[in-house]
PDB file of N, CA and C in Angstrom:
ATOM      1  N   MET A   1      -3.864  -9.087 -10.722  1.00  0.00           N
ATOM      2  CA  MET A   1      -4.365  -7.799 -11.183  1.00  0.00           C
ATOM      3  C   MET A   1      -3.210  -7.011 -11.796  1.00  0.00           C
ATOM      4  N   ILE A   2      -3.416  -6.436 -12.970  1.00  0.00           N
ATOM      5  CA  ILE A   2      -2.361  -5.626 -13.581  1.00  0.00           C
ATOM      6  C   ILE A   2      -2.452  -4.194 -13.042  1.00  0.00           C
ATOM      7  N   ILE A   3      -1.390  -3.437 -13.244  1.00  0.00           N
ATOM      8  CA  ILE A   3      -1.299  -2.086 -12.690  1.00  0.00           C
ATOM      9  C   ILE A   3      -2.472  -1.217 -13.112  1.00  0.00           C
ATOM     10  N   SER A   4      -2.826  -1.234 -14.380  1.00  0.00           N
ATOM     11  CA  SER A   4      -3.920  -0.371 -14.839  1.00  0.00           C
ATOM     12  C   SER A   4      -5.236  -0.749 -14.167  1.00  0.00           C
ATOM     13  N   GLU A   5      -5.459  -2.034 -13.924  1.00  0.00           N
ATOM     14  CA  GLU A   5      -6.688  -2.449 -13.229  1.00  0.00           C
ATOM     15  C   GLU A   5      -6.698  -1.884 -11.809  1.00  0.00           C
ATOM     16  N   ARG A   6      -5.555  -1.906 -11.161  1.00  0.00           N
ATOM     17  CA  ARG A   6      -5.449  -1.353  -9.804  1.00  0.00           C
ATOM     18  C   ARG A   6      -5.715   0.151  -9.838  1.00  0.00           C
ATOM     19  N   ILE A   7      -5.197   0.843 -10.839  1.00  0.00           N
ATOM     20  CA  ILE A   7      -5.425   2.287 -10.974  1.00  0.00           C
ATOM     21  C   ILE A   7      -6.921   2.568 -11.116  1.00  0.00           C
ATOM     22  N   PHE A   8      -7.596   1.815 -11.985  1.00  0.00           N
ATOM     23  CA  PHE A   8      -9.034   2.027 -12.181  1.00  0.00           C
ATOM     24  C   PHE A   8      -9.814   1.718 -10.909  1.00  0.00           C
ATOM     25  N   LYS A   9      -9.371   0.719 -10.154  1.00  0.00           N
ATOM     26  CA  LYS A   9     -10.035   0.381  -8.900  1.00  0.00           C
ATOM     27  C   LYS A   9      -9.900   1.536  -7.905  1.00  0.00           C
ATOM     28  N   ILE A  10      -8.709   2.105  -7.806  1.00  0.00           N
ATOM     29  CA  ILE A  10      -8.481   3.232  -6.894  1.00  0.00           C
ATOM     30  C   ILE A  10      -9.293   4.444  -7.343  1.00  0.00           C
ATOM     31  N   MET A  11      -9.325   4.690  -8.660  1.00  0.00           N
ATOM     32  CA  MET A  11     -10.131   5.802  -9.176  1.00  0.00           C
ATOM     33  C   MET A  11     -11.596   5.622  -8.775  1.00  0.00           C
ATOM     34  N   GLU A  12     -12.092   4.420  -8.920  1.00  0.00           N
ATOM     35  CA  GLU A  12     -13.489   4.129  -8.581  1.00  0.00           C
ATOM     36  C   GLU A  12     -13.740   4.349  -7.084  1.00  0.00           C
ATOM     37  N   GLU A  13     -12.810   3.863  -6.261  1.00  0.00           N
ATOM     38  CA  GLU A  13     -12.935   4.040  -4.816  1.00  0.00           C
ATOM     39  C   GLU A  13     -12.973   5.514  -4.433  1.00  0.00           C
ATOM     40  N   LYS A  14     -12.262   6.342  -5.182  1.00  0.00           N
ATOM     41  CA  LYS A  14     -12.193   7.774  -4.889  1.00  0.00           C
ATOM     42  C   LYS A  14     -13.258   8.580  -5.638  1.00  0.00           C
ATOM     43  N   GLY A  15     -14.051   7.900  -6.464  1.00  0.00           N
ATOM     44  CA  GLY A  15     -15.093   8.592  -7.223  1.00  0.00           C
ATOM     45  C   GLY A  15     -14.529   9.521  -8.289  1.00  0.00           C
ATOM     46  N   MET A  16     -13.373   9.170  -8.829  1.00  0.00           N
ATOM     47  CA  MET A  16     -12.705  10.002  -9.822  1.00  0.00           C
ATOM     48  C   MET A  16     -13.024   9.515 -11.230  1.00  0.00           C
ATOM     49  N   THR A  17     -13.372  10.430 -12.106  1.00  0.00           N
ATOM     50  CA  THR A  17     -13.656  10.078 -13.496  1.00  0.00           C
ATOM     51  C   THR A  17     -12.360  10.031 -14.298  1.00  0.00           C
ATOM     52  N   GLN A  18     -12.432   9.408 -15.467  1.00  0.00           N
ATOM     53  CA  GLN A  18     -11.264   9.378 -16.357  1.00  0.00           C
ATOM     54  C   GLN A  18     -10.897  10.790 -16.794  1.00  0.00           C
ATOM     55  N   LEU A  19     -11.887  11.659 -16.969  1.00  0.00           N
ATOM     56  CA  LEU A  19     -11.626  13.045 -17.365  1.00  0.00           C
ATOM     57  C   LEU A  19     -10.843  13.768 -16.273  1.00  0.00           C
ATOM     58  N   GLU A  20     -11.261  13.614 -15.019  1.00  0.00           N
ATOM     59  CA  GLU A  20     -10.549  14.243 -13.901  1.00  0.00           C
ATOM     60  C   GLU A  20      -9.135  13.675 -13.776  1.00  0.00           C
ATOM     61  N   PHE A  21      -9.014  12.367 -13.934  1.00  0.00           N
ATOM     62  CA  PHE A  21      -7.719  11.703 -13.858  1.00  0.00           C
ATOM     63  C   PHE A  21      -6.798  12.209 -14.966  1.00  0.00           C
ATOM     64  N   SER A  22      -7.331  12.313 -16.163  1.00  0.00           N
ATOM     65  CA  SER A  22      -6.563  12.797 -17.304  1.00  0.00           C
ATOM     66  C   SER A  22      -6.084  14.229 -17.072  1.00  0.00           C
ATOM     67  N   ALA A  23      -6.983  15.076 -16.586  1.00  0.00           N
ATOM     68  CA  ALA A  23      -6.631  16.473 -16.338  1.00  0.00           C
ATOM     69  C   ALA A  23      -5.552  16.588 -15.262  1.00  0.00           C
ATOM     70  N   GLY A  24      -5.657  15.770 -14.239  1.00  0.00           N
ATOM     71  CA  GLY A  24      -4.692  15.826 -13.139  1.00  0.00           C
ATOM     72  C   GLY A  24      -3.321  15.292 -13.496  1.00  0.00           C
ATOM     73  N   THR A  25      -3.284  14.261 -14.320  1.00  0.00           N
ATOM     74  CA  THR A  25      -2.001  13.625 -14.648  1.00  0.00           C
ATOM     75  C   THR A  25      -1.369  14.178 -15.916  1.00  0.00           C
ATOM     76  N   GLY A  26      -2.193  14.782 -16.779  1.00  0.00           N
ATOM     77  CA  GLY A  26      -1.682  15.229 -18.074  1.00  0.00           C
ATOM     78  C   GLY A  26      -1.579  14.093 -19.080  1.00  0.00           C
ATOM     79  N   ILE A  27      -2.160  12.949 -18.745  1.00  0.00           N
ATOM     80  CA  ILE A  27      -2.153  11.784 -19.635  1.00  0.00           C
ATOM     81  C   ILE A  27      -3.414  11.842 -20.487  1.00  0.00           C
ATOM     82  N   ALA A  28      -3.253  11.674 -21.788  1.00  0.00           N
ATOM     83  CA  ALA A  28      -4.386  11.766 -22.704  1.00  0.00           C
ATOM     84  C   ALA A  28      -5.471  10.746 -22.348  1.00  0.00           C
ATOM     85  N   GLN A  29      -6.731  11.171 -22.484  1.00  0.00           N
ATOM     86  CA  GLN A  29      -7.849  10.268 -22.203  1.00  0.00           C
ATOM     87  C   GLN A  29      -7.788   9.019 -23.081  1.00  0.00           C
ATOM     88  N   SER A  30      -7.331   9.189 -24.318  1.00  0.00           N
ATOM     89  CA  SER A  30      -7.244   8.029 -25.215  1.00  0.00           C
ATOM     90  C   SER A  30      -6.239   7.007 -24.687  1.00  0.00           C
ATOM     91  N   THR A  31      -5.162   7.477 -24.095  1.00  0.00           N
ATOM     92  CA  THR A  31      -4.159   6.583 -23.511  1.00  0.00           C
ATOM     93  C   THR A  31      -4.761   5.830 -22.331  1.00  0.00           C
ATOM     94  N   ILE A  32      -5.491   6.540 -21.485  1.00  0.00           N
ATOM     95  CA  ILE A  32      -6.133   5.934 -20.320  1.00  0.00           C
ATOM     96  C   ILE A  32      -7.159   4.896 -20.777  1.00  0.00           C
ATOM     97  N   SER A  33      -7.921   5.244 -21.815  1.00  0.00           N
ATOM     98  CA  SER A  33      -8.907   4.296 -22.364  1.00  0.00           C
ATOM     99  C   SER A  33      -8.225   3.055 -22.917  1.00  0.00           C
ATOM    100  N   ASP A  34      -7.060   3.247 -23.551  1.00  0.00           N
ATOM    101  CA  ASP A  34      -6.297   2.104 -24.072  1.00  0.00           C
ATOM    102  C   ASP A  34      -5.891   1.147 -22.960  1.00  0.00           C
ATOM    103  N   TRP A  35      -5.499   1.689 -21.802  1.00  0.00           N
ATOM    104  CA  TRP A  35      -5.123   0.830 -20.677  1.00  0.00           C
ATOM    105  C   TRP A  35      -6.278  -0.104 -20.339  1.00  0.00           C
ATOM    106  N   LYS A  36      -7.474   0.471 -20.321  1.00  0.00           N
ATOM    107  CA  LYS A  36      -8.650  -0.310 -19.939  1.00  0.00           C
ATOM    108  C   LYS A  36      -9.035  -1.300 -21.036  1.00  0.00           C
ATOM    109  N   ARG A  37      -9.086  -0.820 -22.246  1.00  0.00           N
ATOM    110  CA  ARG A  37      -9.549  -1.626 -23.375  1.00  0.00           C
ATOM    111  C   ARG A  37      -8.556  -2.723 -23.739  1.00  0.00           C
ATOM    112  N   LYS A  38      -7.286  -2.377 -23.798  1.00  0.00           N
ATOM    113  CA  LYS A  38      -6.254  -3.320 -24.234  1.00  0.00           C
ATOM    114  C   LYS A  38      -5.576  -4.042 -23.069  1.00  0.00           C
ATOM    115  N   LYS A  39      -6.000  -3.698 -21.848  1.00  0.00           N
ATOM    116  CA  LYS A  39      -5.392  -4.279 -20.641  1.00  0.00           C
ATOM    117  C   LYS A  39      -3.870  -4.111 -20.642  1.00  0.00           C
ATOM    118  N   THR A  40      -3.452  -2.863 -20.892  1.00  0.00           N
ATOM    119  CA  THR A  40      -2.030  -2.527 -20.849  1.00  0.00           C
ATOM    120  C   THR A  40      -1.763  -1.660 -19.632  1.00  0.00           C
ATOM    121  N   ASN A  41      -0.514  -1.385 -19.356  1.00  0.00           N
ATOM    122  CA  ASN A  41      -0.112  -0.605 -18.190  1.00  0.00           C
ATOM    123  C   ASN A  41       0.513   0.722 -18.588  1.00  0.00           C
ATOM    124  N   PRO A  42       0.462   1.698 -17.686  1.00  0.00           N
ATOM    125  CA  PRO A  42       1.138   2.972 -17.957  1.00  0.00           C
ATOM    126  C   PRO A  42       2.646   2.764 -17.950  1.00  0.00           C
ATOM    127  N   SER A  43       3.345   3.668 -18.604  1.00  0.00           N
ATOM    128  CA  SER A  43       4.807   3.590 -18.592  1.00  0.00           C
ATOM    129  C   SER A  43       5.314   3.978 -17.207  1.00  0.00           C
ATOM    130  N   ALA A  44       6.479   3.511 -16.870  1.00  0.00           N
ATOM    131  CA  ALA A  44       7.056   3.721 -15.537  1.00  0.00           C
ATOM    132  C   ALA A  44       7.179   5.200 -15.184  1.00  0.00           C
ATOM    133  N   GLU A  45       7.505   6.039 -16.159  1.00  0.00           N
ATOM    134  CA  GLU A  45       7.694   7.457 -15.856  1.00  0.00           C
ATOM    135  C   GLU A  45       6.391   8.168 -15.486  1.00  0.00           C
ATOM    136  N   LYS A  46       5.259   7.532 -15.717  1.00  0.00           N
ATOM    137  CA  LYS A  46       3.966   8.152 -15.382  1.00  0.00           C
ATOM    138  C   LYS A  46       3.471   7.746 -13.992  1.00  0.00           C
ATOM    139  N   ILE A  47       4.094   6.769 -13.380  1.00  0.00           N
ATOM    140  CA  ILE A  47       3.615   6.246 -12.097  1.00  0.00           C
ATOM    141  C   ILE A  47       3.572   7.326 -11.011  1.00  0.00           C
ATOM    142  N   MET A  48       4.590   8.153 -10.894  1.00  0.00           N
ATOM    143  CA  MET A  48       4.601   9.156  -9.827  1.00  0.00           C
ATOM    144  C   MET A  48       3.512  10.203 -10.029  1.00  0.00           C
ATOM    145  N   ALA A  49       3.271  10.616 -11.270  1.00  0.00           N
ATOM    146  CA  ALA A  49       2.179  11.570 -11.535  1.00  0.00           C
ATOM    147  C   ALA A  49       0.842  10.932 -11.174  1.00  0.00           C
ATOM    148  N   ILE A  50       0.700   9.657 -11.495  1.00  0.00           N
ATOM    149  CA  ILE A  50      -0.525   8.926 -11.169  1.00  0.00           C
ATOM    150  C   ILE A  50      -0.706   8.863  -9.650  1.00  0.00           C
ATOM    151  N   CYS A  51       0.377   8.547  -8.945  1.00  0.00           N
ATOM    152  CA  CYS A  51       0.322   8.475  -7.480  1.00  0.00           C
ATOM    153  C   CYS A  51      -0.065   9.826  -6.883  1.00  0.00           C
ATOM    154  N   ASP A  52       0.489  10.908  -7.414  1.00  0.00           N
ATOM    155  CA  ASP A  52       0.169  12.244  -6.904  1.00  0.00           C
ATOM    156  C   ASP A  52      -1.309  12.553  -7.059  1.00  0.00           C
ATOM    157  N   VAL A  53      -1.854  12.272  -8.236  1.00  0.00           N
ATOM    158  CA  VAL A  53      -3.263  12.577  -8.505  1.00  0.00           C
ATOM    159  C   VAL A  53      -4.192  11.697  -7.668  1.00  0.00           C
ATOM    160  N   LEU A  54      -3.839  10.436  -7.508  1.00  0.00           N
ATOM    161  CA  LEU A  54      -4.683   9.521  -6.736  1.00  0.00           C
ATOM    162  C   LEU A  54      -4.415   9.625  -5.230  1.00  0.00           C
ATOM    163  N   ASP A  55      -3.367  10.371  -4.863  1.00  0.00           N
ATOM    164  CA  ASP A  55      -2.969  10.540  -3.466  1.00  0.00           C
ATOM    165  C   ASP A  55      -2.694   9.183  -2.815  1.00  0.00           C
ATOM    166  N   VAL A  56      -1.864   8.385  -3.498  1.00  0.00           N
ATOM    167  CA  VAL A  56      -1.460   7.070  -3.010  1.00  0.00           C
ATOM    168  C   VAL A  56       0.047   6.910  -3.208  1.00  0.00           C
ATOM    169  N   SER A  57       0.608   5.890  -2.598  1.00  0.00           N
ATOM    170  CA  SER A  57       2.027   5.589  -2.782  1.00  0.00           C
ATOM    171  C   SER A  57       2.184   4.636  -3.964  1.00  0.00           C
ATOM    172  N   PRO A  58       3.388   4.523  -4.506  1.00  0.00           N
ATOM    173  CA  PRO A  58       3.605   3.528  -5.561  1.00  0.00           C
ATOM    174  C   PRO A  58       3.232   2.120  -5.087  1.00  0.00           C
ATOM    175  N   PHE A  59       3.474   1.821  -3.814  1.00  0.00           N
ATOM    176  CA  PHE A  59       3.108   0.502  -3.311  1.00  0.00           C
ATOM    177  C   PHE A  59       1.607   0.275  -3.404  1.00  0.00           C
ATOM    178  N   ASP A  60       0.809   1.318  -3.117  1.00  0.00           N
ATOM    179  CA  ASP A  60      -0.643   1.176  -3.205  1.00  0.00           C
ATOM    180  C   ASP A  60      -1.066   0.756  -4.605  1.00  0.00           C
ATOM    181  N   ILE A  61      -0.357   1.239  -5.606  1.00  0.00           N
ATOM    182  CA  ILE A  61      -0.686   0.888  -6.988  1.00  0.00           C
ATOM    183  C   ILE A  61      -0.163  -0.503  -7.332  1.00  0.00           C
ATOM    184  N   LEU A  62       0.970  -0.871  -6.777  1.00  0.00           N
ATOM    185  CA  LEU A  62       1.602  -2.140  -7.135  1.00  0.00           C
ATOM    186  C   LEU A  62       1.192  -3.312  -6.256  1.00  0.00           C
ATOM    187  N   GLN A  63       0.592  -3.075  -5.101  1.00  0.00           N
ATOM    188  CA  GLN A  63       0.399  -4.137  -4.109  1.00  0.00           C
ATOM    189  C   GLN A  63      -0.377  -5.348  -4.600  1.00  0.00           C
ATOM    190  N   ASP A  64      -1.366  -5.184  -5.415  1.00  0.00           N
ATOM    191  CA  ASP A  64      -2.136  -6.333  -5.897  1.00  0.00           C
ATOM    192  C   ASP A  64      -1.636  -6.845  -7.240  1.00  0.00           C
ATOM    193  N   THR A  65      -0.518  -6.321  -7.700  1.00  0.00           N
ATOM    194  CA  THR A  65      -0.029  -6.683  -9.027  1.00  0.00           C
ATOM    195  C   THR A  65       1.149  -7.636  -8.978  1.00  0.00           C
ATOM    196  N   ILE A  66       1.659  -7.906  -7.780  1.00  0.00           N
ATOM    197  CA  ILE A  66       2.820  -8.778  -7.631  1.00  0.00           C
ATOM    198  C   ILE A  66       2.318 -10.214  -7.461  1.00  0.00           C
ATOM    199  N   PRO A  67       2.632 -11.093  -8.396  1.00  0.00           N
ATOM    200  CA  PRO A  67       2.126 -12.470  -8.306  1.00  0.00           C
ATOM    201  C   PRO A  67       2.487 -13.116  -6.972  1.00  0.00           C
ATOM    202  N   GLY A  68       1.493 -13.731  -6.338  1.00  0.00           N
ATOM    203  CA  GLY A  68       1.732 -14.419  -5.080  1.00  0.00           C
ATOM    204  C   GLY A  68       1.808 -13.521  -3.873  1.00  0.00           C
ATOM    205  N   LYS A  69       1.639 -12.234  -4.065  1.00  0.00           N
ATOM    206  CA  LYS A  69       1.722 -11.303  -2.942  1.00  0.00           C
ATOM    207  C   LYS A  69       0.390 -10.603  -2.757  1.00  0.00           C
ATOM    208  N   GLY A  70      -0.180 -10.731  -1.584  1.00  0.00           N
ATOM    209  CA  GLY A  70      -1.383  -9.995  -1.233  1.00  0.00           C
ATOM    210  C   GLY A  70      -0.990  -8.788  -0.420  1.00  0.00           C
ATOM    211  N   ALA A  71      -1.952  -7.965  -0.064  1.00  0.00           N
ATOM    212  CA  ALA A  71      -1.668  -6.745   0.693  1.00  0.00           C
ATOM    213  C   ALA A  71      -0.967  -7.051   2.016  1.00  0.00           C
ATOM    214  N   GLY A  72      -1.233  -8.215   2.617  1.00  0.00           N
ATOM    215  CA  GLY A  72      -0.606  -8.551   3.883  1.00  0.00           C
ATOM    216  C   GLY A  72       0.723  -9.264   3.748  1.00  0.00           C
ATOM    217  N   ASP A  73       1.175  -9.511   2.516  1.00  0.00           N
ATOM    218  CA  ASP A  73       2.401 -10.271   2.286  1.00  0.00           C
ATOM    219  C   ASP A  73       3.546  -9.390   1.795  1.00  0.00           C
ATOM    220  N   VAL A  74       3.662  -8.197   2.307  1.00  0.00           N
ATOM    221  CA  VAL A  74       4.666  -7.248   1.840  1.00  0.00           C
ATOM    222  C   VAL A  74       6.053  -7.716   2.254  1.00  0.00           C
ATOM    223  N   ASP A  75       6.977  -7.744   1.299  1.00  0.00           N
ATOM    224  CA  ASP A  75       8.346  -8.094   1.646  1.00  0.00           C
ATOM    225  C   ASP A  75       9.297  -6.944   1.328  1.00  0.00           C
ATOM    226  N   PHE A  76       8.743  -5.741   1.188  1.00  0.00           N
ATOM    227  CA  PHE A  76       9.543  -4.549   0.992  1.00  0.00           C
ATOM    228  C   PHE A  76       8.741  -3.351   1.474  1.00  0.00           C
ATOM    229  N   VAL A  77       9.449  -2.272   1.788  1.00  0.00           N
ATOM    230  CA  VAL A  77       8.782  -1.029   2.176  1.00  0.00           C
ATOM    231  C   VAL A  77       9.420   0.125   1.407  1.00  0.00           C
ATOM    232  N   ILE A  78       8.686   1.206   1.350  1.00  0.00           N
ATOM    233  CA  ILE A  78       9.191   2.405   0.695  1.00  0.00           C
ATOM    234  C   ILE A  78       9.287   3.488   1.758  1.00  0.00           C
ATOM    235  N   ALA A  79      10.456   4.092   1.876  1.00  0.00           N
ATOM    236  CA  ALA A  79      10.659   5.199   2.808  1.00  0.00           C
ATOM    237  C   ALA A  79      11.290   6.345   2.035  1.00  0.00           C
ATOM    238  N   SER A  80      10.700   7.509   2.152  1.00  0.00           N
ATOM    239  CA  SER A  80      11.221   8.678   1.436  1.00  0.00           C
ATOM    240  C   SER A  80      12.480   9.202   2.116  1.00  0.00           C
ATOM    241  N   LYS A  81      13.475   9.516   1.303  1.00  0.00           N
ATOM    242  CA  LYS A  81      14.732  10.051   1.808  1.00  0.00           C
ATOM    243  C   LYS A  81      14.455  11.309   2.624  1.00  0.00           C
ATOM    244  N   GLY A  82      15.124  11.426   3.755  1.00  0.00           N
ATOM    245  CA  GLY A  82      14.947  12.593   4.608  1.00  0.00           C
ATOM    246  C   GLY A  82      13.915  12.392   5.711  1.00  0.00           C
ATOM    247  N   THR A  83      13.189  11.273   5.687  1.00  0.00           N
ATOM    248  CA  THR A  83      12.214  11.008   6.743  1.00  0.00           C
ATOM    249  C   THR A  83      12.869  10.211   7.864  1.00  0.00           C
ATOM    250  N   GLY A  84      12.223  10.189   9.013  1.00  0.00           N
ATOM    251  CA  GLY A  84      12.724   9.409  10.140  1.00  0.00           C
ATOM    252  C   GLY A  84      12.787   7.936   9.817  1.00  0.00           C
ATOM    253  N   GLU A  85      11.762   7.450   9.107  1.00  0.00           N
ATOM    254  CA  GLU A  85      11.730   6.037   8.732  1.00  0.00           C
ATOM    255  C   GLU A  85      12.927   5.675   7.863  1.00  0.00           C
ATOM    256  N   TYR A  86      13.266   6.541   6.938  1.00  0.00           N
ATOM    257  CA  TYR A  86      14.403   6.309   6.045  1.00  0.00           C
ATOM    258  C   TYR A  86      15.694   6.216   6.855  1.00  0.00           C
ATOM    259  N   GLU A  87      15.860   7.150   7.796  1.00  0.00           N
ATOM    260  CA  GLU A  87      17.073   7.166   8.612  1.00  0.00           C
ATOM    261  C   GLU A  87      17.196   5.890   9.445  1.00  0.00           C
ATOM    262  N   VAL A  88      16.079   5.426  10.000  1.00  0.00           N
ATOM    263  CA  VAL A  88      16.096   4.199  10.803  1.00  0.00           C
ATOM    264  C   VAL A  88      16.496   3.008   9.942  1.00  0.00           C
ATOM    265  N   VAL A  89      15.905   2.898   8.763  1.00  0.00           N
ATOM    266  CA  VAL A  89      16.221   1.776   7.875  1.00  0.00           C
ATOM    267  C   VAL A  89      17.689   1.804   7.474  1.00  0.00           C
ATOM    268  N   LYS A  90      18.205   2.971   7.138  1.00  0.00           N
ATOM    269  CA  LYS A  90      19.611   3.075   6.733  1.00  0.00           C
ATOM    270  C   LYS A  90      20.544   2.676   7.878  1.00  0.00           C
ATOM    271  N   LYS A  91      20.209   3.083   9.101  1.00  0.00           N
ATOM    272  CA  LYS A  91      21.039   2.713  10.247  1.00  0.00           C
ATOM    273  C   LYS A  91      20.913   1.227  10.550  1.00  0.00           C
ATOM    274  N   LEU A  92      19.704   0.693  10.416  1.00  0.00           N
ATOM    275  CA  LEU A  92      19.476  -0.729  10.660  1.00  0.00           C
ATOM    276  C   LEU A  92      20.295  -1.586   9.694  1.00  0.00           C
ATOM    277  N   GLU A  93      20.388  -1.140   8.447  1.00  0.00           N
ATOM    278  CA  GLU A  93      21.170  -1.882   7.447  1.00  0.00           C
ATOM    279  C   GLU A  93      22.626  -2.048   7.848  1.00  0.00           C
ATOM    280  N   LYS A  94      23.164  -1.084   8.591  1.00  0.00           N
ATOM    281  CA  LYS A  94      24.579  -1.084   8.932  1.00  0.00           C
ATOM    282  C   LYS A  94      24.912  -1.905  10.178  1.00  0.00           C
ATOM    283  N   LEU A  95      23.880  -2.342  10.897  1.00  0.00           N
ATOM    284  CA  LEU A  95      24.117  -3.110  12.120  1.00  0.00           C
ATOM    285  C   LEU A  95      24.544  -4.544  11.805  1.00  0.00           C
ATOM    286  N   ASN A  96      25.294  -5.138  12.742  1.00  0.00           N
ATOM    287  CA  ASN A  96      25.637  -6.555  12.568  1.00  0.00           C
ATOM    288  C   ASN A  96      24.387  -7.393  12.821  1.00  0.00           C
ATOM    289  N   LYS A  97      24.452  -8.644  12.457  1.00  0.00           N
ATOM    290  CA  LYS A  97      23.287  -9.530  12.503  1.00  0.00           C
ATOM    291  C   LYS A  97      22.674  -9.625  13.907  1.00  0.00           C
ATOM    292  N   ALA A  98      23.511  -9.781  14.919  1.00  0.00           N
ATOM    293  CA  ALA A  98      23.016  -9.942  16.293  1.00  0.00           C
ATOM    294  C   ALA A  98      22.330  -8.667  16.785  1.00  0.00           C
ATOM    295  N   THR A  99      22.937  -7.534  16.535  1.00  0.00           N
ATOM    296  CA  THR A  99      22.351  -6.271  16.975  1.00  0.00           C
ATOM    297  C   THR A  99      21.057  -5.988  16.217  1.00  0.00           C
ATOM    298  N   LYS A 100      21.051  -6.304  14.937  1.00  0.00           N
ATOM    299  CA  LYS A 100      19.838  -6.126  14.135  1.00  0.00           C
ATOM    300  C   LYS A 100      18.702  -6.970  14.705  1.00  0.00           C
ATOM    301  N   ALA A 101      19.001  -8.203  15.094  1.00  0.00           N
ATOM    302  CA  ALA A 101      17.983  -9.085  15.684  1.00  0.00           C
ATOM    303  C   ALA A 101      17.460  -8.497  16.991  1.00  0.00           C
ATOM    304  N   GLU A 102      18.330  -7.903  17.795  1.00  0.00           N
ATOM    305  CA  GLU A 102      17.908  -7.264  19.045  1.00  0.00           C
ATOM    306  C   GLU A 102      16.948  -6.102  18.768  1.00  0.00           C
ATOM    307  N   VAL A 103      17.274  -5.299  17.772  1.00  0.00           N
ATOM    308  CA  VAL A 103      16.421  -4.157  17.411  1.00  0.00           C
ATOM    309  C   VAL A 103      15.052  -4.651  16.936  1.00  0.00           C
ATOM    310  N   VAL A 104      15.045  -5.671  16.108  1.00  0.00           N
ATOM    311  CA  VAL A 104      13.787  -6.230  15.607  1.00  0.00           C
ATOM    312  C   VAL A 104      12.955  -6.768  16.772  1.00  0.00           C
ATOM    313  N   ASP A 105      13.577  -7.479  17.702  1.00  0.00           N
ATOM    314  CA  ASP A 105      12.864  -7.988  18.885  1.00  0.00           C
ATOM    315  C   ASP A 105      12.284  -6.836  19.705  1.00  0.00           C
ATOM    316  N   TYR A 106      13.072  -5.781  19.874  1.00  0.00           N
ATOM    317  CA  TYR A 106      12.599  -4.612  20.632  1.00  0.00           C
ATOM    318  C   TYR A 106      11.375  -3.987  19.963  1.00  0.00           C
ATOM    319  N   VAL A 107      11.428  -3.830  18.665  1.00  0.00           N
ATOM    320  CA  VAL A 107      10.307  -3.236  17.941  1.00  0.00           C
ATOM    321  C   VAL A 107       9.060  -4.100  18.080  1.00  0.00           C
ATOM    322  N   LYS A 108       9.227  -5.413  18.006  1.00  0.00           N
ATOM    323  CA  LYS A 108       8.082  -6.323  18.193  1.00  0.00           C
ATOM    324  C   LYS A 108       7.469  -6.147  19.579  1.00  0.00           C
ATOM    325  N   LYS A 109       8.323  -6.001  20.601  1.00  0.00           N
ATOM    326  CA  LYS A 109       7.823  -5.827  21.966  1.00  0.00           C
ATOM    327  C   LYS A 109       7.083  -4.499  22.104  1.00  0.00           C
ATOM    328  N   VAL A 110       7.611  -3.456  21.526  1.00  0.00           N
ATOM    329  CA  VAL A 110       6.959  -2.138  21.574  1.00  0.00           C
ATOM    330  C   VAL A 110       5.615  -2.207  20.853  1.00  0.00           C
ATOM    331  N   LYS A 111       5.577  -2.857  19.729  1.00  0.00           N
ATOM    332  CA  LYS A 111       4.332  -3.002  18.945  1.00  0.00           C
ATOM    333  C   LYS A 111       3.276  -3.731  19.760  1.00  0.00           C
ATOM    334  N   ASN A 112       3.681  -4.769  20.493  1.00  0.00           N
ATOM    335  CA  ASN A 112       2.736  -5.564  21.280  1.00  0.00           C
ATOM    336  C   ASN A 112       2.205  -4.823  22.510  1.00  0.00           C
ATOM    337  N   LYS A 113       2.866  -3.738  22.932  1.00  0.00           N
ATOM    338  CA  LYS A 113       2.413  -2.958  24.092  1.00  0.00           C
ATOM    339  C   LYS A 113       1.166  -2.134  23.787  1.00  0.00           C
ATOM    340  N   LYS A 114       0.920  -1.871  22.527  1.00  0.00           N
ATOM    341  CA  LYS A 114      -0.233  -1.044  22.152  1.00  0.00           C
ATOM    342  C   LYS A 114      -1.446  -1.775  22.480  1.00  0.00           C
TER     343      LYS A 114
END
């Protein structure tokens, strides 16, 4: 699935029209129609505006567009700077291999307690 197809799928799921999408993103309706008709993708600089209007993350838009990767096959995550998740990832990166493995094992055990 290409990015524009994923965008249209999300719009449909949310009951959003192309007119509403255009008004929210500031992207011309003709440009949006071109994505559908010509099977092209939006430019990279428009992705964040699209995400804001659709109330999704960039990953939500890209998840079905990565060849060989399904929604359950994520090999990367996005964490916003300044969040707790971001701080944990940054600290985890700095750990040595053995300590990192211990942390990962601990998280797995905590997850399994639910």
